Amino acid sequence: MTKIFISYTRKYLSSTQQLADRLEAEGYDVWWDVKLLAGHAFRDAIDEQLEASDVVIVIWTPTSIKSPWVIAEAQHAWNKNAL
């Protein structure tokens, strides 16, 4: 099963949720930061999930292009050729 990581900003939480739901309904294994466990180190958990993903979807918006988190996630995906 293809594992998909979604990178986004909170301002677009609703549309990201819709995308994640649709992908999961199609049988994809989707991960995005709403699945972070309490007490988990954010950076470590995100890096772990990025490495485990086959595909990374970056939701580029006026907000996300200014987010250091989204840019770092996109760069990580680019480096592993997962975009």
PDB file of N, CA and C in Angstrom:
ATOM      1  N   MET A   1       0.844  -1.174   0.000  1.00  0.00           N
ATOM      2  CA  MET A   1       0.000   0.000   0.000  1.00  0.00           C
ATOM      3  C   MET A   1       0.892   1.241   0.000  1.00  0.00           C
ATOM      4  N   THR A   2       0.533   2.209  -0.804  1.00  0.00           N
ATOM      5  CA  THR A   2       1.286   3.452  -0.889  1.00  0.00           C
ATOM      6  C   THR A   2       1.052   4.288   0.360  1.00  0.00           C
ATOM      7  N   LYS A   3       2.157   4.738   0.950  1.00  0.00           N
ATOM      8  CA  LYS A   3       2.073   5.586   2.137  1.00  0.00           C
ATOM      9  C   LYS A   3       2.286   7.033   1.714  1.00  0.00           C
ATOM     10  N   ILE A   4       1.312   7.888   2.056  1.00  0.00           N
ATOM     11  CA  ILE A   4       1.336   9.288   1.647  1.00  0.00           C
ATOM     12  C   ILE A   4       1.462  10.187   2.879  1.00  0.00           C
ATOM     13  N   PHE A   5       2.383  11.126   2.803  1.00  0.00           N
ATOM     14  CA  PHE A   5       2.576  12.152   3.824  1.00  0.00           C
ATOM     15  C   PHE A   5       2.013  13.447   3.256  1.00  0.00           C
ATOM     16  N   ILE A   6       1.179  14.145   4.024  1.00  0.00           N
ATOM     17  CA  ILE A   6       0.630  15.424   3.576  1.00  0.00           C
ATOM     18  C   ILE A   6       1.244  16.550   4.409  1.00  0.00           C
ATOM     19  N   SER A   7       1.824  17.512   3.707  1.00  0.00           N
ATOM     20  CA  SER A   7       2.388  18.704   4.332  1.00  0.00           C
ATOM     21  C   SER A   7       1.447  19.871   4.040  1.00  0.00           C
ATOM     22  N   TYR A   8       1.112  20.650   5.059  1.00  0.00           N
ATOM     23  CA  TYR A   8       0.110  21.716   4.917  1.00  0.00           C
ATOM     24  C   TYR A   8       0.279  22.702   6.064  1.00  0.00           C
ATOM     25  N   THR A   9      -0.525  23.746   6.077  1.00  0.00           N
ATOM     26  CA  THR A   9      -0.585  24.649   7.226  1.00  0.00           C
ATOM     27  C   THR A   9      -1.974  24.578   7.847  1.00  0.00           C
ATOM     28  N   ARG A  10      -2.033  24.853   9.115  1.00  0.00           N
ATOM     29  CA  ARG A  10      -3.290  24.736   9.879  1.00  0.00           C
ATOM     30  C   ARG A  10      -4.429  25.577   9.324  1.00  0.00           C
ATOM     31  N   LYS A  11      -4.091  26.662   8.654  1.00  0.00           N
ATOM     32  CA  LYS A  11      -5.139  27.518   8.087  1.00  0.00           C
ATOM     33  C   LYS A  11      -6.004  26.733   7.107  1.00  0.00           C
ATOM     34  N   TYR A  12      -5.441  25.682   6.528  1.00  0.00           N
ATOM     35  CA  TYR A  12      -6.152  24.865   5.541  1.00  0.00           C
ATOM     36  C   TYR A  12      -6.469  23.477   6.084  1.00  0.00           C
ATOM     37  N   LEU A  13      -6.727  23.406   7.367  1.00  0.00           N
ATOM     38  CA  LEU A  13      -7.015  22.143   8.031  1.00  0.00           C
ATOM     39  C   LEU A  13      -8.214  21.426   7.419  1.00  0.00           C
ATOM     40  N   SER A  14      -9.280  22.158   7.153  1.00  0.00           N
ATOM     41  CA  SER A  14     -10.500  21.540   6.639  1.00  0.00           C
ATOM     42  C   SER A  14     -10.291  20.910   5.263  1.00  0.00           C
ATOM     43  N   SER A  15      -9.672  21.640   4.349  1.00  0.00           N
ATOM     44  CA  SER A  15      -9.446  21.075   3.014  1.00  0.00           C
ATOM     45  C   SER A  15      -8.426  19.950   3.049  1.00  0.00           C
ATOM     46  N   THR A  16      -7.469  20.032   3.958  1.00  0.00           N
ATOM     47  CA  THR A  16      -6.490  18.950   4.110  1.00  0.00           C
ATOM     48  C   THR A  16      -7.185  17.704   4.641  1.00  0.00           C
ATOM     49  N   GLN A  17      -8.098  17.881   5.577  1.00  0.00           N
ATOM     50  CA  GLN A  17      -8.863  16.756   6.107  1.00  0.00           C
ATOM     51  C   GLN A  17      -9.664  16.084   4.991  1.00  0.00           C
ATOM     52  N   GLN A  18     -10.280  16.887   4.144  1.00  0.00           N
ATOM     53  CA  GLN A  18     -11.051  16.343   3.020  1.00  0.00           C
ATOM     54  C   GLN A  18     -10.157  15.527   2.083  1.00  0.00           C
ATOM     55  N   LEU A  19      -8.981  16.048   1.776  1.00  0.00           N
ATOM     56  CA  LEU A  19      -8.046  15.328   0.915  1.00  0.00           C
ATOM     57  C   LEU A  19      -7.618  14.019   1.569  1.00  0.00           C
ATOM     58  N   ALA A  20      -7.249  14.074   2.834  1.00  0.00           N
ATOM     59  CA  ALA A  20      -6.825  12.871   3.549  1.00  0.00           C
ATOM     60  C   ALA A  20      -7.940  11.828   3.574  1.00  0.00           C
ATOM     61  N   ASP A  21      -9.154  12.260   3.835  1.00  0.00           N
ATOM     62  CA  ASP A  21     -10.297  11.343   3.867  1.00  0.00           C
ATOM     63  C   ASP A  21     -10.511  10.671   2.510  1.00  0.00           C
ATOM     64  N   ARG A  22     -10.402  11.452   1.439  1.00  0.00           N
ATOM     65  CA  ARG A  22     -10.608  10.898   0.089  1.00  0.00           C
ATOM     66  C   ARG A  22      -9.515   9.892  -0.256  1.00  0.00           C
ATOM     67  N   LEU A  23      -8.285  10.231   0.083  1.00  0.00           N
ATOM     68  CA  LEU A  23      -7.176   9.311  -0.196  1.00  0.00           C
ATOM     69  C   LEU A  23      -7.325   8.016   0.606  1.00  0.00           C
ATOM     70  N   GLU A  24      -7.701   8.145   1.874  1.00  0.00           N
ATOM     71  CA  GLU A  24      -7.901   6.954   2.708  1.00  0.00           C
ATOM     72  C   GLU A  24      -9.057   6.109   2.179  1.00  0.00           C
ATOM     73  N   ALA A  25     -10.105   6.756   1.684  1.00  0.00           N
ATOM     74  CA  ALA A  25     -11.246   6.024   1.112  1.00  0.00           C
ATOM     75  C   ALA A  25     -10.833   5.234  -0.125  1.00  0.00           C
ATOM     76  N   GLU A  26      -9.789   5.700  -0.797  1.00  0.00           N
ATOM     77  CA  GLU A  26      -9.262   4.999  -1.973  1.00  0.00           C
ATOM     78  C   GLU A  26      -8.248   3.916  -1.586  1.00  0.00           C
ATOM     79  N   GLY A  27      -7.997   3.774  -0.292  1.00  0.00           N
ATOM     80  CA  GLY A  27      -7.122   2.704   0.180  1.00  0.00           C
ATOM     81  C   GLY A  27      -5.686   3.102   0.471  1.00  0.00           C
ATOM     82  N   TYR A  28      -5.385   4.390   0.395  1.00  0.00           N
ATOM     83  CA  TYR A  28      -4.030   4.839   0.690  1.00  0.00           C
ATOM     84  C   TYR A  28      -3.826   4.970   2.198  1.00  0.00           C
ATOM     85  N   ASP A  29      -2.596   4.747   2.616  1.00  0.00           N
ATOM     86  CA  ASP A  29      -2.186   4.950   4.001  1.00  0.00           C
ATOM     87  C   ASP A  29      -1.693   6.392   4.098  1.00  0.00           C
ATOM     88  N   VAL A  30      -2.466   7.248   4.744  1.00  0.00           N
ATOM     89  CA  VAL A  30      -2.171   8.683   4.778  1.00  0.00           C
ATOM     90  C   VAL A  30      -1.718   9.090   6.169  1.00  0.00           C
ATOM     91  N   TRP A  31      -0.646   9.904   6.213  1.00  0.00           N
ATOM     92  CA  TRP A  31      -0.188  10.461   7.480  1.00  0.00           C
ATOM     93  C   TRP A  31      -0.054  11.965   7.334  1.00  0.00           C
ATOM     94  N   TRP A  32      -0.536  12.670   8.340  1.00  0.00           N
ATOM     95  CA  TRP A  32      -0.320  14.104   8.477  1.00  0.00           C
ATOM     96  C   TRP A  32      -0.307  14.416   9.948  1.00  0.00           C
ATOM     97  N   ASP A  33       0.109  15.598  10.344  1.00  0.00           N
ATOM     98  CA  ASP A  33       0.446  15.826  11.744  1.00  0.00           C
ATOM     99  C   ASP A  33      -0.699  15.732  12.741  1.00  0.00           C
ATOM    100  N   VAL A  34      -1.925  15.607  12.293  1.00  0.00           N
ATOM    101  CA  VAL A  34      -3.011  15.402  13.260  1.00  0.00           C
ATOM    102  C   VAL A  34      -2.889  14.016  13.896  1.00  0.00           C
ATOM    103  N   LYS A  35      -2.040  13.173  13.319  1.00  0.00           N
ATOM    104  CA  LYS A  35      -1.837  11.833  13.858  1.00  0.00           C
ATOM    105  C   LYS A  35      -0.650  11.761  14.822  1.00  0.00           C
ATOM    106  N   LEU A  36      -0.076  12.915  15.165  1.00  0.00           N
ATOM    107  CA  LEU A  36       1.015  12.928  16.133  1.00  0.00           C
ATOM    108  C   LEU A  36       0.487  12.509  17.501  1.00  0.00           C
ATOM    109  N   LEU A  37       1.241  11.696  18.157  1.00  0.00           N
ATOM    110  CA  LEU A  37       0.859  11.244  19.485  1.00  0.00           C
ATOM    111  C   LEU A  37       1.324  12.246  20.539  1.00  0.00           C
ATOM    112  N   ALA A  38       0.536  12.417  21.571  1.00  0.00           N
ATOM    113  CA  ALA A  38       0.912  13.311  22.663  1.00  0.00           C
ATOM    114  C   ALA A  38       2.237  12.856  23.256  1.00  0.00           C
ATOM    115  N   GLY A  39       3.108  13.807  23.487  1.00  0.00           N
ATOM    116  CA  GLY A  39       4.404  13.488  24.067  1.00  0.00           C
ATOM    117  C   GLY A  39       5.467  13.106  23.047  1.00  0.00           C
ATOM    118  N   HIS A  40       5.080  12.906  21.813  1.00  0.00           N
ATOM    119  CA  HIS A  40       6.023  12.565  20.754  1.00  0.00           C
ATOM    120  C   HIS A  40       6.760  13.837  20.338  1.00  0.00           C
ATOM    121  N   ALA A  41       8.061  13.739  20.143  1.00  0.00           N
ATOM    122  CA  ALA A  41       8.831  14.889  19.666  1.00  0.00           C
ATOM    123  C   ALA A  41       8.414  15.178  18.227  1.00  0.00           C
ATOM    124  N   PHE A  42       7.879  16.369  17.976  1.00  0.00           N
ATOM    125  CA  PHE A  42       7.348  16.698  16.657  1.00  0.00           C
ATOM    126  C   PHE A  42       8.342  16.446  15.537  1.00  0.00           C
ATOM    127  N   ARG A  43       9.524  17.023  15.640  1.00  0.00           N
ATOM    128  CA  ARG A  43      10.510  16.929  14.560  1.00  0.00           C
ATOM    129  C   ARG A  43      10.874  15.479  14.286  1.00  0.00           C
ATOM    130  N   ASP A  44      11.120  14.703  15.347  1.00  0.00           N
ATOM    131  CA  ASP A  44      11.489  13.294  15.173  1.00  0.00           C
ATOM    132  C   ASP A  44      10.357  12.508  14.525  1.00  0.00           C
ATOM    133  N   ALA A  45       9.139  12.738  14.975  1.00  0.00           N
ATOM    134  CA  ALA A  45       7.984  12.016  14.426  1.00  0.00           C
ATOM    135  C   ALA A  45       7.767  12.378  12.961  1.00  0.00           C
ATOM    136  N   ILE A  46       7.888  13.647  12.641  1.00  0.00           N
ATOM    137  CA  ILE A  46       7.699  14.084  11.259  1.00  0.00           C
ATOM    138  C   ILE A  46       8.784  13.501  10.367  1.00  0.00           C
ATOM    139  N   ASP A  47      10.039  13.564  10.806  1.00  0.00           N
ATOM    140  CA  ASP A  47      11.137  12.987  10.017  1.00  0.00           C
ATOM    141  C   ASP A  47      10.943  11.492   9.801  1.00  0.00           C
ATOM    142  N   GLU A  48      10.505  10.822  10.836  1.00  0.00           N
ATOM    143  CA  GLU A  48      10.256   9.372  10.745  1.00  0.00           C
ATOM    144  C   GLU A  48       9.175   9.072   9.699  1.00  0.00           C
ATOM    145  N   GLN A  49       8.103   9.841   9.728  1.00  0.00           N
ATOM    146  CA  GLN A  49       7.005   9.626   8.786  1.00  0.00           C
ATOM    147  C   GLN A  49       7.386  10.017   7.357  1.00  0.00           C
ATOM    148  N   LEU A  50       8.174  11.085   7.214  1.00  0.00           N
ATOM    149  CA  LEU A  50       8.651  11.465   5.887  1.00  0.00           C
ATOM    150  C   LEU A  50       9.506  10.359   5.285  1.00  0.00           C
ATOM    151  N   GLU A  51      10.388   9.795   6.086  1.00  0.00           N
ATOM    152  CA  GLU A  51      11.259   8.714   5.604  1.00  0.00           C
ATOM    153  C   GLU A  51      10.458   7.479   5.219  1.00  0.00           C
ATOM    154  N   ALA A  52       9.385   7.214   5.935  1.00  0.00           N
ATOM    155  CA  ALA A  52       8.581   6.013   5.686  1.00  0.00           C
ATOM    156  C   ALA A  52       7.600   6.195   4.527  1.00  0.00           C
ATOM    157  N   SER A  53       7.427   7.419   4.053  1.00  0.00           N
ATOM    158  CA  SER A  53       6.448   7.696   3.004  1.00  0.00           C
ATOM    159  C   SER A  53       6.985   7.387   1.610  1.00  0.00           C
ATOM    160  N   ASP A  54       6.073   6.952   0.763  1.00  0.00           N
ATOM    161  CA  ASP A  54       6.398   6.730  -0.645  1.00  0.00           C
ATOM    162  C   ASP A  54       6.195   8.013  -1.449  1.00  0.00           C
ATOM    163  N   VAL A  55       5.212   8.806  -1.017  1.00  0.00           N
ATOM    164  CA  VAL A  55       4.826  10.024  -1.721  1.00  0.00           C
ATOM    165  C   VAL A  55       4.567  11.111  -0.688  1.00  0.00           C
ATOM    166  N   VAL A  56       4.960  12.336  -1.031  1.00  0.00           N
ATOM    167  CA  VAL A  56       4.664  13.487  -0.178  1.00  0.00           C
ATOM    168  C   VAL A  56       3.840  14.468  -1.000  1.00  0.00           C
ATOM    169  N   ILE A  57       2.698  14.840  -0.472  1.00  0.00           N
ATOM    170  CA  ILE A  57       1.866  15.864  -1.089  1.00  0.00           C
ATOM    171  C   ILE A  57       2.059  17.136  -0.278  1.00  0.00           C
ATOM    172  N   VAL A  58       2.530  18.178  -0.941  1.00  0.00           N
ATOM    173  CA  VAL A  58       2.691  19.469  -0.288  1.00  0.00           C
ATOM    174  C   VAL A  58       1.566  20.365  -0.778  1.00  0.00           C
ATOM    175  N   ILE A  59       0.783  20.880   0.145  1.00  0.00           N
ATOM    176  CA  ILE A  59      -0.306  21.784  -0.203  1.00  0.00           C
ATOM    177  C   ILE A  59       0.257  23.202  -0.143  1.00  0.00           C
ATOM    178  N   TRP A  60       0.582  23.723  -1.332  1.00  0.00           N
ATOM    179  CA  TRP A  60       1.163  25.062  -1.437  1.00  0.00           C
ATOM    180  C   TRP A  60       0.055  26.102  -1.421  1.00  0.00           C
ATOM    181  N   THR A  61       0.142  26.989  -0.455  1.00  0.00           N
ATOM    182  CA  THR A  61      -0.818  28.073  -0.296  1.00  0.00           C
ATOM    183  C   THR A  61      -0.039  29.341   0.050  1.00  0.00           C
ATOM    184  N   PRO A  62      -0.704  30.502   0.055  1.00  0.00           N
ATOM    185  CA  PRO A  62       0.012  31.717   0.474  1.00  0.00           C
ATOM    186  C   PRO A  62       0.593  31.592   1.891  1.00  0.00           C
ATOM    187  N   THR A  63      -0.040  30.796   2.729  1.00  0.00           N
ATOM    188  CA  THR A  63       0.451  30.596   4.091  1.00  0.00           C
ATOM    189  C   THR A  63       1.595  29.583   4.121  1.00  0.00           C
ATOM    190  N   SER A  64       1.447  28.490   3.404  1.00  0.00           N
ATOM    191  CA  SER A  64       2.457  27.420   3.483  1.00  0.00           C
ATOM    192  C   SER A  64       3.790  27.810   2.872  1.00  0.00           C
ATOM    193  N   ILE A  65       3.778  28.706   1.880  1.00  0.00           N
ATOM    194  CA  ILE A  65       5.056  29.093   1.281  1.00  0.00           C
ATOM    195  C   ILE A  65       5.924  29.903   2.246  1.00  0.00           C
ATOM    196  N   LYS A  66       5.320  30.342   3.345  1.00  0.00           N
ATOM    197  CA  LYS A  66       6.054  31.088   4.371  1.00  0.00           C
ATOM    198  C   LYS A  66       6.356  30.232   5.593  1.00  0.00           C
ATOM    199  N   SER A  67       5.904  28.993   5.592  1.00  0.00           N
ATOM    200  CA  SER A  67       6.079  28.123   6.753  1.00  0.00           C
ATOM    201  C   SER A  67       7.410  27.375   6.696  1.00  0.00           C
ATOM    202  N   PRO A  68       8.279  27.586   7.680  1.00  0.00           N
ATOM    203  CA  PRO A  68       9.542  26.849   7.689  1.00  0.00           C
ATOM    204  C   PRO A  68       9.319  25.333   7.777  1.00  0.00           C
ATOM    205  N   TRP A  69       8.249  24.917   8.438  1.00  0.00           N
ATOM    206  CA  TRP A  69       7.943  23.491   8.550  1.00  0.00           C
ATOM    207  C   TRP A  69       7.598  22.900   7.187  1.00  0.00           C
ATOM    208  N   VAL A  70       6.712  23.547   6.460  1.00  0.00           N
ATOM    209  CA  VAL A  70       6.296  23.043   5.147  1.00  0.00           C
ATOM    210  C   VAL A  70       7.483  23.048   4.191  1.00  0.00           C
ATOM    211  N   ILE A  71       8.259  24.101   4.204  1.00  0.00           N
ATOM    212  CA  ILE A  71       9.427  24.174   3.321  1.00  0.00           C
ATOM    213  C   ILE A  71      10.420  23.060   3.653  1.00  0.00           C
ATOM    214  N   ALA A  72      10.658  22.821   4.929  1.00  0.00           N
ATOM    215  CA  ALA A  72      11.582  21.742   5.333  1.00  0.00           C
ATOM    216  C   ALA A  72      11.040  20.376   4.917  1.00  0.00           C
ATOM    217  N   GLU A  73       9.739  20.166   5.069  1.00  0.00           N
ATOM    218  CA  GLU A  73       9.142  18.885   4.656  1.00  0.00           C
ATOM    219  C   GLU A  73       9.234  18.697   3.151  1.00  0.00           C
ATOM    220  N   ALA A  74       8.996  19.762   2.403  1.00  0.00           N
ATOM    221  CA  ALA A  74       9.109  19.686   0.945  1.00  0.00           C
ATOM    222  C   ALA A  74      10.548  19.396   0.533  1.00  0.00           C
ATOM    223  N   GLN A  75      11.492  20.034   1.191  1.00  0.00           N
ATOM    224  CA  GLN A  75      12.907  19.794   0.883  1.00  0.00           C
ATOM    225  C   GLN A  75      13.293  18.353   1.189  1.00  0.00           C
ATOM    226  N   HIS A  76      12.829  17.844   2.293  1.00  0.00           N
ATOM    227  CA  HIS A  76      13.094  16.445   2.661  1.00  0.00           C
ATOM    228  C   HIS A  76      12.543  15.513   1.583  1.00  0.00           C
ATOM    229  N   ALA A  77      11.326  15.769   1.164  1.00  0.00           N
ATOM    230  CA  ALA A  77      10.705  14.945   0.118  1.00  0.00           C
ATOM    231  C   ALA A  77      11.467  15.057  -1.200  1.00  0.00           C
ATOM    232  N   TRP A  78      11.871  16.270  -1.541  1.00  0.00           N
ATOM    233  CA  TRP A  78      12.637  16.487  -2.767  1.00  0.00           C
ATOM    234  C   TRP A  78      13.932  15.690  -2.727  1.00  0.00           C
ATOM    235  N   ASN A  79      14.611  15.749  -1.582  1.00  0.00           N
ATOM    236  CA  ASN A  79      15.892  15.046  -1.432  1.00  0.00           C
ATOM    237  C   ASN A  79      15.739  13.544  -1.580  1.00  0.00           C
ATOM    238  N   LYS A  80      14.620  12.998  -1.175  1.00  0.00           N
ATOM    239  CA  LYS A  80      14.417  11.537  -1.310  1.00  0.00           C
ATOM    240  C   LYS A  80      13.602  11.175  -2.538  1.00  0.00           C
ATOM    241  N   ASN A  81      13.334  12.190  -3.380  1.00  0.00           N
ATOM    242  CA  ASN A  81      12.635  11.990  -4.653  1.00  0.00           C
ATOM    243  C   ASN A  81      11.228  11.437  -4.442  1.00  0.00           C
ATOM    244  N   ALA A  82      10.522  11.980  -3.455  1.00  0.00           N
ATOM    245  CA  ALA A  82       9.182  11.506  -3.130  1.00  0.00           C
ATOM    246  C   ALA A  82       8.088  12.500  -3.509  1.00  0.00           C
ATOM    247  N   LEU A  83       8.462  13.623  -4.104  1.00  0.00           N
ATOM    248  CA  LEU A  83       7.443  14.610  -4.502  1.00  0.00           C
ATOM    249  C   LEU A  83       6.830  14.206  -5.815  1.00  0.00           C
TER     250      LEU A  83
END
